């Protein structure tokens, strides 16, 4: 809940680069994708070393997309740049940068060089590079168009939304404005084609009826029974936003 409240909600209509940094430094993300264990092998006496989990998902899911043009070498170098950002889970320490755990040697990410000695600024440089990529603009535009228009959004709309993302340097408010004021958004073939996820369904039902919630536990149980338990999605892709997952003979 802290992750959603502090790393996502404040930025949904703000700048994508700011959201990216908030998520990268969130204790929840550090723990979930193991970056708290991503350390320079030279800076620790334990068996830990470079952990690529977060670096890989940062590029595949959060920025460039699976076909975003990065290589395994880029993944390794991004992971190296993210070393030293850690937490002490049992102490609730929050995010910490530990200099001795950081790989401070030169790195190359998507053809751009991070000079040696960058220290804790390496993470800023990496996020700057990833947020500015055309593949990131297209990936985020596609996700938003899918959310607001259809499971297979028109390429013309994705193109315009991606161009707006690039022109505004990731202003999510402007990208969403481009989508929800577009002819494609108001087109007849887009009317009521999106299927609500269980969370959307339950929340909108409560809002429509003006329900007074004295205990949310029955609602949480209902979501569990509908296949969308709160904060229990296991894969890092998150819950699906498309009809195929939620509408079937089984469902």
Protein backbone atom coordinates (compact mmCIF):
# COMPACT_ATOMS: atom_id res chain seq x y z
CA UNK A 1 0.00 0.00 0.00
CA UNK A 2 2.86 2.40 0.73
CA UNK A 3 4.22 1.81 -2.80
CA UNK A 4 0.91 2.67 -4.43
CA UNK A 5 0.34 5.64 -2.15
CA UNK A 6 3.81 7.20 -2.36
CA UNK A 7 5.43 5.99 -5.58
CA UNK A 8 2.45 5.85 -7.96
CA UNK A 9 -0.51 8.04 -7.03
CA UNK A 10 1.38 11.36 -6.65
CA UNK A 11 2.74 11.01 -10.18
CA UNK A 12 -0.10 9.58 -12.29
CA UNK A 13 -0.73 12.98 -13.89
CA UNK A 14 2.82 14.23 -13.44
CA UNK A 15 6.14 13.53 -15.10
CA UNK A 16 6.98 9.95 -16.01
CA UNK A 17 10.65 10.38 -15.11
CA UNK A 18 9.67 11.44 -11.58
CA UNK A 19 7.45 8.37 -11.21
CA UNK A 20 10.25 6.18 -12.50
CA UNK A 21 12.62 7.45 -9.81
CA UNK A 22 10.00 7.15 -7.08
CA UNK A 23 9.41 3.50 -7.99
CA UNK A 24 13.12 2.76 -8.37
CA UNK A 25 13.83 4.02 -4.86
CA UNK A 26 10.71 2.59 -3.22
CA UNK A 27 11.50 0.09 -0.43
CA UNK A 28 8.70 -2.11 -1.79
CA UNK A 29 10.26 -2.26 -5.26
CA UNK A 30 13.75 -2.75 -3.86
CA UNK A 31 12.47 -5.74 -1.94
CA UNK A 32 10.11 -7.22 -4.53
CA UNK A 33 12.62 -7.32 -7.40
CA UNK A 34 15.67 -7.97 -5.22
CA UNK A 35 17.61 -4.79 -5.91
CA UNK A 36 18.30 -4.54 -2.18
CA UNK A 37 20.57 -7.55 -2.76
CA UNK A 38 22.19 -6.06 -5.86
CA UNK A 39 25.70 -5.12 -4.70
CA UNK A 40 29.21 -4.81 -6.02
CA UNK A 41 30.97 -8.09 -5.35
CA UNK A 42 34.01 -6.07 -4.30
CA UNK A 43 32.06 -4.22 -1.63
CA UNK A 44 30.80 -7.19 0.37
CA UNK A 45 32.24 -10.22 2.10
CA UNK A 46 29.08 -12.27 1.49
CA UNK A 47 28.24 -14.42 -1.52
CA UNK A 48 26.00 -11.69 -2.92
CA UNK A 49 26.87 -9.82 -6.08
CA UNK A 50 25.13 -8.33 -9.10
CA UNK A 51 21.40 -9.11 -9.19
CA UNK A 52 19.78 -8.36 -12.55
CA UNK A 53 16.11 -8.83 -11.61
CA UNK A 54 15.11 -5.20 -11.23
CA UNK A 55 17.35 -3.97 -14.04
CA UNK A 56 15.69 -6.40 -16.43
CA UNK A 57 12.12 -5.47 -15.44
CA UNK A 58 13.00 -1.77 -15.38
CA UNK A 59 13.71 -2.00 -19.11
CA UNK A 60 11.27 -4.73 -20.17
CA UNK A 61 8.19 -3.64 -18.19
CA UNK A 62 8.67 -0.09 -16.91
CA UNK A 63 10.34 1.71 -19.82
CA UNK A 64 11.50 0.30 -23.16
CA UNK A 65 9.25 -2.73 -23.54
CA UNK A 66 10.24 -6.27 -24.45
CA UNK A 67 11.22 -5.22 -27.99
CA UNK A 68 12.89 -2.01 -26.86
CA UNK A 69 16.29 -2.73 -28.37
CA UNK A 70 18.33 -3.43 -25.24
CA UNK A 71 20.80 -6.28 -24.84
CA UNK A 72 21.95 -8.54 -22.04
CA UNK A 73 25.00 -6.30 -21.72
CA UNK A 74 22.70 -3.32 -21.13
CA UNK A 75 20.89 -5.28 -18.41
CA UNK A 76 24.17 -6.06 -16.65
CA UNK A 77 25.36 -2.45 -16.85
CA UNK A 78 22.05 -1.07 -15.59
CA UNK A 79 22.23 -3.54 -12.70
CA UNK A 80 25.76 -2.34 -11.94
CA UNK A 81 24.55 1.26 -11.96
CA UNK A 82 21.84 0.37 -9.46
CA UNK A 83 24.14 -1.34 -6.95
CA UNK A 84 24.27 0.09 -3.45
CA UNK A 85 20.59 1.06 -3.21
CA UNK A 86 19.31 -1.14 -0.43
CA UNK A 87 17.11 -1.60 2.63
CA UNK A 88 17.23 -3.48 5.90
CA UNK A 89 13.91 -5.33 5.62
CA UNK A 90 13.60 -6.45 9.22
CA UNK A 91 14.36 -2.96 10.50
CA UNK A 92 11.98 -1.03 8.26
CA UNK A 93 14.92 1.17 7.37
CA UNK A 94 13.56 2.77 4.22
CA UNK A 95 15.77 3.20 1.18
CA UNK A 96 19.48 3.71 1.75
CA UNK A 97 22.47 4.26 -0.52
CA UNK A 98 25.56 2.43 0.75
CA UNK A 99 28.65 3.66 -1.08
CA UNK A 100 30.83 0.61 -0.45
CA UNK A 101 28.21 -1.64 -2.08
CA UNK A 102 28.17 0.37 -5.32
CA UNK A 103 30.07 -0.58 -8.48
CA UNK A 104 31.70 2.75 -9.30
CA UNK A 105 33.50 1.73 -12.48
CA UNK A 106 32.65 2.95 -15.98
CA UNK A 107 29.47 1.56 -17.55
CA UNK A 108 27.77 1.77 -20.96
CA UNK A 109 23.98 1.78 -21.24
CA UNK A 110 22.28 1.88 -24.66
CA UNK A 111 25.46 3.26 -26.16
CA UNK A 112 25.85 6.03 -23.59
CA UNK A 113 28.77 6.08 -21.18
CA UNK A 114 28.48 6.51 -17.44
CA UNK A 115 31.89 7.68 -16.31
CA UNK A 116 33.65 6.06 -13.39
CA UNK A 117 33.09 7.69 -10.02
CA UNK A 118 29.42 8.52 -10.59
CA UNK A 119 28.42 7.04 -7.24
CA UNK A 120 24.79 7.47 -6.26
CA UNK A 121 24.22 9.67 -9.33
CA UNK A 122 24.54 6.60 -11.57
CA UNK A 123 20.89 5.80 -10.91
CA UNK A 124 19.85 9.30 -12.02
CA UNK A 125 21.80 8.97 -15.25
CA UNK A 126 20.35 5.55 -16.04
CA UNK A 127 16.77 6.70 -15.42
CA UNK A 128 17.37 9.80 -17.57
CA UNK A 129 18.58 7.60 -20.43
CA UNK A 130 15.70 5.13 -20.20
CA UNK A 131 12.95 7.74 -19.80
CA UNK A 132 14.12 9.64 -22.90
CA UNK A 133 14.11 6.67 -25.30
CA UNK A 134 11.59 6.63 -28.20
CA UNK A 135 10.82 3.00 -27.27
CA UNK A 136 9.76 4.17 -23.79
CA UNK A 137 7.44 6.80 -25.26
CA UNK A 138 5.79 4.16 -27.43
CA UNK A 139 5.58 1.57 -24.64
CA UNK A 140 3.88 3.96 -22.21
CA UNK A 141 1.61 5.36 -24.92
CA UNK A 142 0.49 1.84 -25.82
CA UNK A 143 -0.25 0.97 -22.19
CA UNK A 144 -2.32 4.12 -21.66
CA UNK A 145 -4.20 3.75 -24.94
CA UNK A 146 -4.96 0.15 -24.00
CA UNK A 147 -6.24 1.30 -20.61
CA UNK A 148 -8.52 4.03 -21.94
CA UNK A 149 -9.58 2.99 -25.46
CA UNK A 150 -9.39 -0.70 -26.32
CA UNK A 151 -7.37 -3.87 -25.81
CA UNK A 152 -5.96 -3.33 -29.31
CA UNK A 153 -5.63 0.45 -29.58
CA UNK A 154 -5.43 2.03 -33.06
CA UNK A 155 -1.79 2.53 -34.18
CA UNK A 156 -2.60 6.10 -35.20
CA UNK A 157 -3.56 6.96 -31.63
CA UNK A 158 -0.49 5.25 -30.17
CA UNK A 159 1.69 7.21 -32.58
CA UNK A 160 0.20 10.56 -31.53
CA UNK A 161 0.32 9.72 -27.84
CA UNK A 162 3.96 8.65 -28.12
CA UNK A 163 4.81 11.84 -29.99
CA UNK A 164 3.15 13.86 -27.24
CA UNK A 165 5.11 11.93 -24.60
CA UNK A 166 8.35 12.84 -26.40
CA UNK A 167 7.40 16.46 -27.03
CA UNK A 168 6.49 17.06 -23.38
CA UNK A 169 9.37 14.97 -21.99
CA UNK A 170 7.00 12.50 -20.37
CA UNK A 171 4.14 14.69 -19.14
CA UNK A 172 1.58 11.99 -18.38
CA UNK A 173 -1.28 14.50 -18.05
CA UNK A 174 -0.68 15.65 -21.62
CA UNK A 175 -0.39 12.11 -22.94
CA UNK A 176 -3.69 11.14 -21.31
CA UNK A 177 -5.27 14.37 -22.60
CA UNK A 178 -4.20 13.41 -26.13
CA UNK A 179 -5.86 10.02 -25.73
CA UNK A 180 -9.15 11.01 -24.10
CA UNK A 181 -9.78 13.92 -26.49
CA UNK A 182 -8.96 11.88 -29.59
CA UNK A 183 -11.42 10.81 -32.32
CA UNK A 184 -10.43 7.22 -31.57
CA UNK A 185 -11.56 7.59 -27.94
CA UNK A 186 -15.03 8.76 -29.08
CA UNK A 187 -15.34 6.38 -32.00
CA UNK A 188 -18.38 4.11 -32.10
CA UNK A 189 -16.23 0.98 -32.25
CA UNK A 190 -14.54 1.98 -28.99
CA UNK A 191 -17.80 2.44 -27.06
CA UNK A 192 -18.05 -0.01 -24.15
CA UNK A 193 -15.38 -2.33 -25.54
CA UNK A 194 -13.26 -2.22 -22.39
CA UNK A 195 -14.11 -4.79 -19.73
CA UNK A 196 -13.70 -3.78 -16.10
CA UNK A 197 -11.21 -5.63 -13.96
CA UNK A 198 -12.69 -7.01 -10.72
CA UNK A 199 -11.22 -4.05 -8.82
CA UNK A 200 -12.79 -1.57 -11.23
CA UNK A 201 -16.07 -3.49 -11.10
CA UNK A 202 -16.29 -3.52 -7.30
CA UNK A 203 -15.14 0.09 -6.88
CA UNK A 204 -17.55 1.44 -9.49
CA UNK A 205 -20.46 -0.55 -8.01
CA UNK A 206 -19.79 0.98 -4.60
CA UNK A 207 -19.53 4.48 -6.06
CA UNK A 208 -22.68 4.10 -8.15
CA UNK A 209 -24.74 2.98 -5.16
CA UNK A 210 -23.24 5.44 -2.69
CA UNK A 211 -22.38 2.54 -0.40
CA UNK A 212 -21.16 3.24 3.11
CA UNK A 213 -18.22 0.99 3.90
CA UNK A 214 -17.95 -0.02 7.54
CA UNK A 215 -15.64 -2.96 6.86
CA UNK A 216 -13.67 -3.50 3.65
CA UNK A 217 -12.84 -7.12 4.43
CA UNK A 218 -15.89 -8.58 2.61
CA UNK A 219 -14.91 -6.51 -0.44
CA UNK A 220 -11.37 -7.82 -0.29
CA UNK A 221 -12.74 -11.36 -0.10
CA UNK A 222 -14.96 -10.69 -3.11
CA UNK A 223 -11.97 -9.52 -5.10
CA UNK A 224 -10.09 -12.65 -4.09
CA UNK A 225 -12.99 -14.82 -5.23
CA UNK A 226 -13.06 -12.96 -8.55
CA UNK A 227 -9.39 -13.74 -9.10
CA UNK A 228 -7.85 -10.37 -8.23
CA UNK A 229 -6.75 -10.45 -4.58
CA UNK A 230 -5.40 -7.09 -3.44
CA UNK A 231 -1.60 -6.84 -3.64
CA UNK A 232 -1.22 -10.54 -4.39
CA UNK A 233 -0.31 -10.49 -8.06
CA UNK A 234 2.77 -12.67 -8.32
CA UNK A 235 4.35 -11.85 -11.72
CA UNK A 236 5.95 -8.39 -12.08
CA UNK A 237 3.71 -7.67 -15.08
CA UNK A 238 0.85 -6.89 -12.69
CA UNK A 239 -2.78 -7.82 -13.21
CA UNK A 240 -3.93 -7.82 -16.83
CA UNK A 241 -5.95 -4.91 -18.19
CA UNK A 242 -7.53 -6.83 -21.07
CA UNK A 243 -10.83 -8.68 -21.42
CA UNK A 244 -9.36 -12.09 -22.23
CA UNK A 245 -8.19 -12.50 -18.64
CA UNK A 246 -11.48 -11.55 -16.97
CA UNK A 247 -14.20 -12.69 -19.39
CA UNK A 248 -14.37 -16.41 -20.12
CA UNK A 249 -16.60 -19.43 -19.61
CA UNK A 250 -14.71 -20.14 -16.39
CA UNK A 251 -15.04 -16.60 -15.08
